[in-house]
Amino acid sequence: MDYIRTDLAVEANEAKAKEQEIPGISVQERSENFDILITDVKVENAEGEKAIGKAIGTYITVDSSAIKNRYAKAEEHVIKVLAEEIKKLMQGKEEQGVLVVGLGNRSITPDALGPNVCDKTYISRHMKIFAPDQMDERINEVSAIAPGVLGITGLETGEVIKGIVDKTKPGVVIAIDSLASRKLDRISTTFQLTDSGISPGSGIGNKRKALNEKELGVPVIAMGVPLVVYAATIAGDLIEETVLKEGKENDEQARKMFEKVIEGIMNVNGAEMVVTPKEIDIIVEDCGRVIASAINIAVNDGLSLDDVNKLMH
């Protein structure tokens, strides 16, 4: 029974790589100051895509405890690193305009990361159109939207974004969403960026029409932070660890009991349970600020964090 649920390519690869080497997957790690670890996972072909369940593309994971520990200097460096990675993925397309899409439901805290980022992004498209002479030439055209969710709007997010892209013609879309991890200690400490796009609601198992270059006609960079862990994943890991300690991994009765417990947790009153920290409101606020700051620096050529903060106030 597959009880592992994760949106992180690095975790999906780790889970499969334990069993065997995976063709079509390449992994590189590099470190930065303040104990920041950057992992690049590249899904190079259909074989790799099938193996870890992630679309072909580059997945960049930035790990740091700075946000969780609220260490200001380290947080600034995380912002700088994220901005550099966003810049690499945009490949100069930001000069043609950027659309920031905040996915999720702002009324549900663990799902409110996307809208939170939109609230903190420096928006300039209207000024670039109506008052270009008053704008710093380093500032590119940026717009943002938090389209809500299908259950509230009755509109498929992909359709909404496609309409906006067709009308405003940005050079690149940056989509933000809450993700799921298999480890509690990754919540608020891990940021994932990818050029493969995203399926809205993927972090809570509610996949909709994908937002990617094929669907929208422009490059899509997806960013997210794990804010939930599936209860079945936590329980499964704990039970599996106990089974291994007791040497019962080949015990048929133990295996059946394991599967029964996990099946029950995966279907509590017809729904899957997820776990999130009690301080999730603070985590969403902090992670939203970090991502928005990184976007603000990346899309506006030559602006520093101080410059961006002044513009926002």
Protein backbone atom coordinates (compact mmCIF):
# COMPACT_ATOMS: atom_id res chain seq x y z
CA MET A 1 0.00 0.00 0.00
CA ASP A 2 1.41 3.38 -1.03
CA TYR A 3 0.80 5.66 1.96
CA ILE A 4 3.55 8.19 1.13
CA ARG A 5 2.12 11.50 -0.08
CA THR A 6 4.43 14.33 -1.05
CA ASP A 7 4.59 17.19 -3.55
CA LEU A 8 8.36 17.51 -3.20
CA ALA A 9 10.41 15.99 -6.02
CA VAL A 10 13.36 15.57 -3.68
CA GLU A 11 11.27 13.37 -1.35
CA ALA A 12 9.69 11.39 -4.18
CA ASN A 13 13.16 10.69 -5.53
CA GLU A 14 14.51 9.71 -2.08
CA ALA A 15 11.69 7.22 -1.59
CA LYS A 16 12.34 5.50 -4.94
CA ALA A 17 16.14 5.79 -4.88
CA LYS A 18 16.22 3.67 -1.71
CA GLU A 19 15.00 0.75 -3.78
CA GLN A 20 17.11 1.22 -6.92
CA GLU A 21 18.89 3.77 -9.08
CA ILE A 22 16.37 5.70 -11.15
CA PRO A 23 17.06 6.20 -14.87
CA GLY A 24 16.07 9.64 -16.12
CA ILE A 25 16.68 11.37 -12.78
CA SER A 26 19.75 13.45 -11.92
CA VAL A 27 20.38 15.01 -8.50
CA GLN A 28 22.91 17.66 -7.46
CA GLU A 29 23.38 19.28 -4.07
CA ARG A 30 25.07 22.56 -3.18
CA SER A 31 25.31 24.56 0.01
CA GLU A 32 25.13 28.24 0.90
CA ASN A 33 25.88 30.29 3.99
CA PHE A 34 23.66 29.89 7.07
CA ASP A 35 23.38 26.12 6.50
CA ILE A 36 21.22 26.52 3.41
CA LEU A 37 21.08 23.36 1.29
CA ILE A 38 20.01 23.56 -2.36
CA THR A 39 19.05 20.35 -4.15
CA ASP A 40 18.46 20.23 -7.91
CA VAL A 41 16.38 17.28 -9.10
CA LYS A 42 16.04 17.02 -12.86
CA VAL A 43 13.41 14.76 -14.38
CA GLU A 44 14.93 14.23 -17.81
CA ASN A 45 12.56 11.89 -19.62
CA ALA A 46 9.33 9.90 -19.47
CA GLU A 47 11.03 7.07 -17.59
CA GLY A 48 12.06 9.41 -14.78
CA GLU A 49 8.62 11.06 -14.86
CA LYS A 50 6.89 7.71 -14.36
CA ALA A 51 9.30 6.61 -11.63
CA ILE A 52 8.74 9.50 -9.21
CA GLY A 53 5.41 10.85 -10.45
CA LYS A 54 6.72 14.30 -11.33
CA ALA A 55 6.53 16.00 -14.72
CA ILE A 56 9.66 16.46 -16.82
CA GLY A 57 11.52 19.54 -15.64
CA THR A 58 13.85 21.00 -13.03
CA TYR A 59 12.90 20.95 -9.35
CA ILE A 60 14.94 23.16 -7.00
CA THR A 61 14.59 22.65 -3.27
CA VAL A 62 15.97 25.24 -0.84
CA ASP A 63 16.20 23.96 2.74
CA SER A 64 16.83 26.27 5.70
CA SER A 65 15.66 26.50 9.30
CA ALA A 66 15.95 30.31 9.17
CA ILE A 67 12.23 30.96 8.72
CA LYS A 68 11.24 28.49 11.42
CA ASN A 69 13.75 30.00 13.88
CA ARG A 70 13.00 33.57 12.73
CA TYR A 71 16.68 34.39 12.31
CA ALA A 72 16.64 37.70 10.39
CA LYS A 73 20.11 37.60 8.81
CA ALA A 74 19.65 34.03 7.60
CA GLU A 75 16.16 34.87 6.33
CA GLU A 76 17.61 37.66 4.20
CA HIS A 77 20.04 35.18 2.68
CA VAL A 78 17.21 32.71 1.97
CA ILE A 79 15.38 35.51 0.14
CA LYS A 80 18.52 36.26 -1.88
CA VAL A 81 19.00 32.58 -2.80
CA LEU A 82 15.34 32.17 -3.81
CA ALA A 83 15.53 35.36 -5.92
CA GLU A 84 18.58 34.02 -7.74
CA GLU A 85 16.87 30.70 -8.47
CA ILE A 86 13.71 32.44 -9.71
CA LYS A 87 15.86 34.64 -11.95
CA LYS A 88 17.56 31.58 -13.47
CA LEU A 89 14.23 29.91 -14.23
CA MET A 90 12.73 33.08 -15.79
CA GLN A 91 15.62 33.37 -18.30
CA GLY A 92 14.94 37.05 -18.96
CA LYS A 93 11.21 36.56 -19.64
CA GLU A 94 10.39 38.97 -16.76
CA GLU A 95 11.22 41.88 -19.09
CA GLN A 96 8.02 41.07 -21.00
CA GLY A 97 5.93 41.20 -17.82
CA VAL A 98 5.14 38.87 -14.94
CA LEU A 99 1.83 37.49 -13.70
CA VAL A 100 1.93 36.20 -10.11
CA VAL A 101 -0.84 33.70 -9.35
CA GLY A 102 -1.69 32.98 -5.71
CA LEU A 103 -3.41 29.60 -5.66
CA GLY A 104 -5.49 28.38 -2.73
CA ASN A 105 -8.27 29.40 -0.38
CA ARG A 106 -7.42 32.37 1.82
CA SER A 107 -10.15 31.29 4.28
CA ILE A 108 -8.29 28.06 5.11
CA THR A 109 -4.97 28.96 6.74
CA PRO A 110 -2.74 26.11 5.48
CA ASP A 111 -4.08 26.76 1.97
CA ALA A 112 -3.64 30.55 2.09
CA LEU A 113 0.03 30.83 1.10
CA GLY A 114 -0.68 31.86 -2.50
CA PRO A 115 -3.08 34.71 -1.67
CA ASN A 116 -0.70 35.85 1.09
CA VAL A 117 2.15 36.14 -1.42
CA CYS A 118 -0.05 38.16 -3.78
CA ASP A 119 -0.82 40.62 -0.97
CA LYS A 120 2.91 41.22 -0.46
CA THR A 121 4.00 41.40 -4.11
CA TYR A 122 4.86 44.82 -5.54
CA ILE A 123 2.32 45.42 -8.32
CA SER A 124 3.37 47.78 -11.10
CA ARG A 125 1.46 46.94 -14.30
CA HIS A 126 -1.08 49.73 -13.91
CA MET A 127 1.64 52.30 -13.22
CA LYS A 128 3.75 51.10 -16.15
CA ILE A 129 0.74 51.54 -18.43
CA PHE A 130 -0.73 54.82 -17.12
CA ALA A 131 2.27 56.63 -15.60
CA PRO A 132 5.44 55.17 -17.14
CA ASP A 133 7.40 58.42 -16.71
CA GLN A 134 7.04 58.16 -12.93
CA MET A 135 8.39 54.61 -12.71
CA ASP A 136 11.93 53.51 -11.97
CA GLU A 137 13.28 51.98 -15.18
CA ARG A 138 14.47 48.93 -13.22
CA ILE A 139 10.88 47.98 -12.40
CA ASN A 140 9.21 45.54 -14.76
CA GLU A 141 5.50 45.10 -15.35
CA VAL A 142 4.04 42.91 -12.59
CA SER A 143 0.42 41.95 -11.96
CA ALA A 144 -1.06 39.47 -9.51
CA ILE A 145 -4.26 37.57 -8.90
CA ALA A 146 -5.55 35.19 -6.24
CA PRO A 147 -8.37 33.51 -8.20
CA GLY A 148 -9.85 31.55 -5.31
CA VAL A 149 -10.98 27.95 -5.57
CA LEU A 150 -13.53 26.17 -7.74
CA GLY A 151 -15.88 25.43 -4.84
CA ILE A 152 -16.27 29.15 -4.11
CA THR A 153 -16.03 30.79 -7.54
CA GLY A 154 -17.49 28.03 -9.72
CA LEU A 155 -14.62 28.73 -12.12
CA GLU A 156 -11.78 26.39 -12.99
CA THR A 157 -8.55 28.15 -11.98
CA GLY A 158 -6.85 27.10 -15.20
CA GLU A 159 -9.59 28.77 -17.25
CA VAL A 160 -9.32 32.01 -15.25
CA ILE A 161 -5.56 32.21 -15.61
CA LYS A 162 -5.66 31.27 -19.29
CA GLY A 163 -8.06 34.15 -19.94
CA ILE A 164 -5.82 36.62 -18.12
CA VAL A 165 -2.68 35.39 -19.88
CA ASP A 166 -4.35 35.65 -23.30
CA LYS A 167 -5.45 39.22 -22.55
CA THR A 168 -2.39 40.66 -20.78
CA LYS A 169 0.31 38.54 -22.46
CA PRO A 170 2.94 38.32 -19.68
CA GLY A 171 6.35 36.85 -20.45
CA VAL A 172 6.15 34.45 -17.52
CA VAL A 173 3.70 33.22 -14.87
CA ILE A 174 4.81 32.56 -11.29
CA ALA A 175 2.29 30.35 -9.47
CA ILE A 176 2.37 29.90 -5.69
CA ASP A 177 0.63 27.10 -3.80
CA SER A 178 0.75 25.25 -0.49
CA LEU A 179 2.37 21.82 -0.73
CA ALA A 180 2.40 18.56 1.20
CA SER A 181 5.51 16.90 2.58
CA ARG A 182 6.12 13.48 4.10
CA LYS A 183 8.07 15.02 6.99
CA LEU A 184 6.82 17.45 9.63
CA ASP A 185 10.24 19.06 9.96
CA ARG A 186 10.03 20.29 6.36
CA ILE A 187 7.08 22.55 7.15
CA SER A 188 8.28 26.18 6.82
CA THR A 189 11.89 25.03 6.24
CA THR A 190 11.65 23.94 2.60
CA PHE A 191 10.90 25.90 -0.57
CA GLN A 192 10.41 24.20 -3.92
CA LEU A 193 10.68 25.89 -7.31
CA THR A 194 10.07 24.21 -10.65
CA ASP A 195 9.73 25.10 -14.32
CA SER A 196 7.27 22.24 -14.88
CA GLY A 197 4.17 24.13 -13.68
CA ILE A 198 1.67 23.01 -11.06
CA SER A 199 -1.76 21.48 -10.53
CA PRO A 200 -3.80 23.82 -8.26
CA GLY A 201 -4.70 22.20 -4.95
CA SER A 202 -2.02 19.51 -5.25
CA GLY A 203 -0.92 20.04 -1.67
CA ILE A 204 -4.27 18.88 -0.31
CA GLY A 205 -4.90 16.14 -2.85
CA ASN A 206 -7.34 18.19 -4.95
CA LYS A 207 -5.66 18.35 -8.34
CA ARG A 208 -7.27 20.50 -11.01
CA LYS A 209 -6.28 21.43 -14.55
CA ALA A 210 -2.53 22.04 -14.69
CA LEU A 211 -0.97 25.46 -14.99
CA ASN A 212 2.01 24.93 -17.28
CA GLU A 213 3.51 26.21 -20.51
CA LYS A 214 1.55 23.72 -22.61
CA GLU A 215 -1.80 24.92 -21.21
CA LEU A 216 -1.06 28.65 -20.90
CA GLY A 217 1.31 29.26 -23.80
CA VAL A 218 3.92 30.98 -21.61
CA PRO A 219 6.57 29.61 -19.22
CA VAL A 220 5.23 28.80 -15.75
CA ILE A 221 7.38 28.78 -12.62
CA ALA A 222 5.72 27.08 -9.66
CA MET A 223 6.76 27.79 -6.08
CA GLY A 224 5.54 26.33 -2.83
CA VAL A 225 6.22 25.46 0.78
CA PRO A 226 5.03 22.29 2.54
CA LEU A 227 2.38 23.31 5.05
CA VAL A 228 0.66 19.98 5.63
CA VAL A 229 1.63 16.33 6.11
CA TYR A 230 -0.86 13.52 5.54
CA ALA A 231 -1.72 11.71 8.77
CA ALA A 232 -1.45 8.37 6.98
CA THR A 233 2.14 9.17 6.00
CA ILE A 234 3.12 9.94 9.60
CA ALA A 235 1.34 6.88 10.97
CA GLY A 236 2.74 4.65 8.24
CA ASP A 237 6.32 5.71 8.93
CA LEU A 238 5.93 5.15 12.68
CA ILE A 239 4.31 1.74 12.26
CA GLU A 240 6.85 0.65 9.65
CA GLU A 241 9.69 1.69 11.96
CA THR A 242 8.18 -0.38 14.79
CA VAL A 243 7.66 -3.40 12.52
CA LEU A 244 11.30 -3.25 11.39
CA LYS A 245 12.58 -2.90 14.96
CA GLU A 246 10.67 -6.01 15.99
CA GLY A 247 11.88 -7.90 12.94
CA LYS A 248 8.35 -8.55 11.66
CA GLU A 249 8.75 -7.12 8.16
CA ASN A 250 8.07 -10.56 6.65
CA ASP A 251 5.22 -11.39 9.03
CA GLU A 252 2.03 -11.71 6.95
CA GLN A 253 -0.26 -10.99 9.93
CA ALA A 254 1.73 -7.86 10.83
CA ARG A 255 1.58 -6.67 7.21
CA LYS A 256 -2.19 -7.09 7.03
CA MET A 257 -2.67 -5.23 10.30
CA PHE A 258 -0.39 -2.45 9.05
CA GLU A 259 -2.44 -2.07 5.85
CA LYS A 260 -5.73 -2.08 7.79
CA VAL A 261 -4.57 0.70 10.12
CA ILE A 262 -3.30 2.85 7.25
CA GLU A 263 -6.47 2.29 5.23
CA GLY A 264 -8.50 3.46 8.22
CA ILE A 265 -6.45 6.63 8.64
CA MET A 266 -6.67 7.38 4.91
CA ASN A 267 -10.45 7.22 5.06
CA VAL A 268 -11.83 8.85 8.23
CA ASN A 269 -15.51 9.51 7.59
CA GLY A 270 -14.78 9.49 3.86
CA ALA A 271 -11.95 12.03 4.03
CA GLU A 272 -8.17 12.01 4.36
CA MET A 273 -6.71 13.68 7.42
CA VAL A 274 -3.80 16.12 7.24
CA VAL A 275 -1.60 17.49 10.01
CA THR A 276 -0.40 21.09 10.28
CA PRO A 277 1.30 22.99 13.15
CA LYS A 278 -0.80 25.00 15.60
CA GLU A 279 1.20 28.15 14.69
CA ILE A 280 0.34 27.76 10.98
CA ASP A 281 -0.97 31.33 10.76
CA ILE A 282 2.47 32.71 11.67
CA ILE A 283 4.18 30.24 9.33
CA VAL A 284 2.02 31.28 6.38
CA GLU A 285 2.70 34.95 7.11
CA ASP A 286 6.46 34.43 7.35
CA CYS A 287 6.75 32.17 4.30
CA GLY A 288 4.52 34.49 2.29
CA ARG A 289 6.77 37.43 3.12
CA VAL A 290 9.91 35.52 2.15
CA ILE A 291 8.52 34.31 -1.20
CA ALA A 292 7.05 37.71 -2.10
CA SER A 293 10.34 39.46 -1.25
CA ALA A 294 12.25 36.98 -3.43
CA ILE A 295 9.84 37.56 -6.32
CA ASN A 296 10.02 41.34 -5.91
CA ILE A 297 13.82 41.24 -6.16
CA ALA A 298 13.96 38.69 -8.99
CA VAL A 299 11.48 40.38 -11.33
CA ASN A 300 12.80 43.93 -10.88
CA ASP A 301 16.33 44.18 -12.23
CA GLY A 302 18.87 45.60 -9.80
CA LEU A 303 16.54 46.28 -6.88
CA SER A 304 17.75 45.25 -3.42
CA LEU A 305 15.63 43.98 -0.54
CA ASP A 306 15.81 47.46 1.03
CA ASP A 307 14.65 49.05 -2.24
CA VAL A 308 11.70 46.66 -2.43
CA ASN A 309 10.75 47.23 1.21
CA LYS A 310 10.71 51.00 0.63
CA LEU A 311 8.48 50.58 -2.42
CA MET A 312 6.04 48.42 -0.43
CA HIS A 313 5.72 51.11 2.25
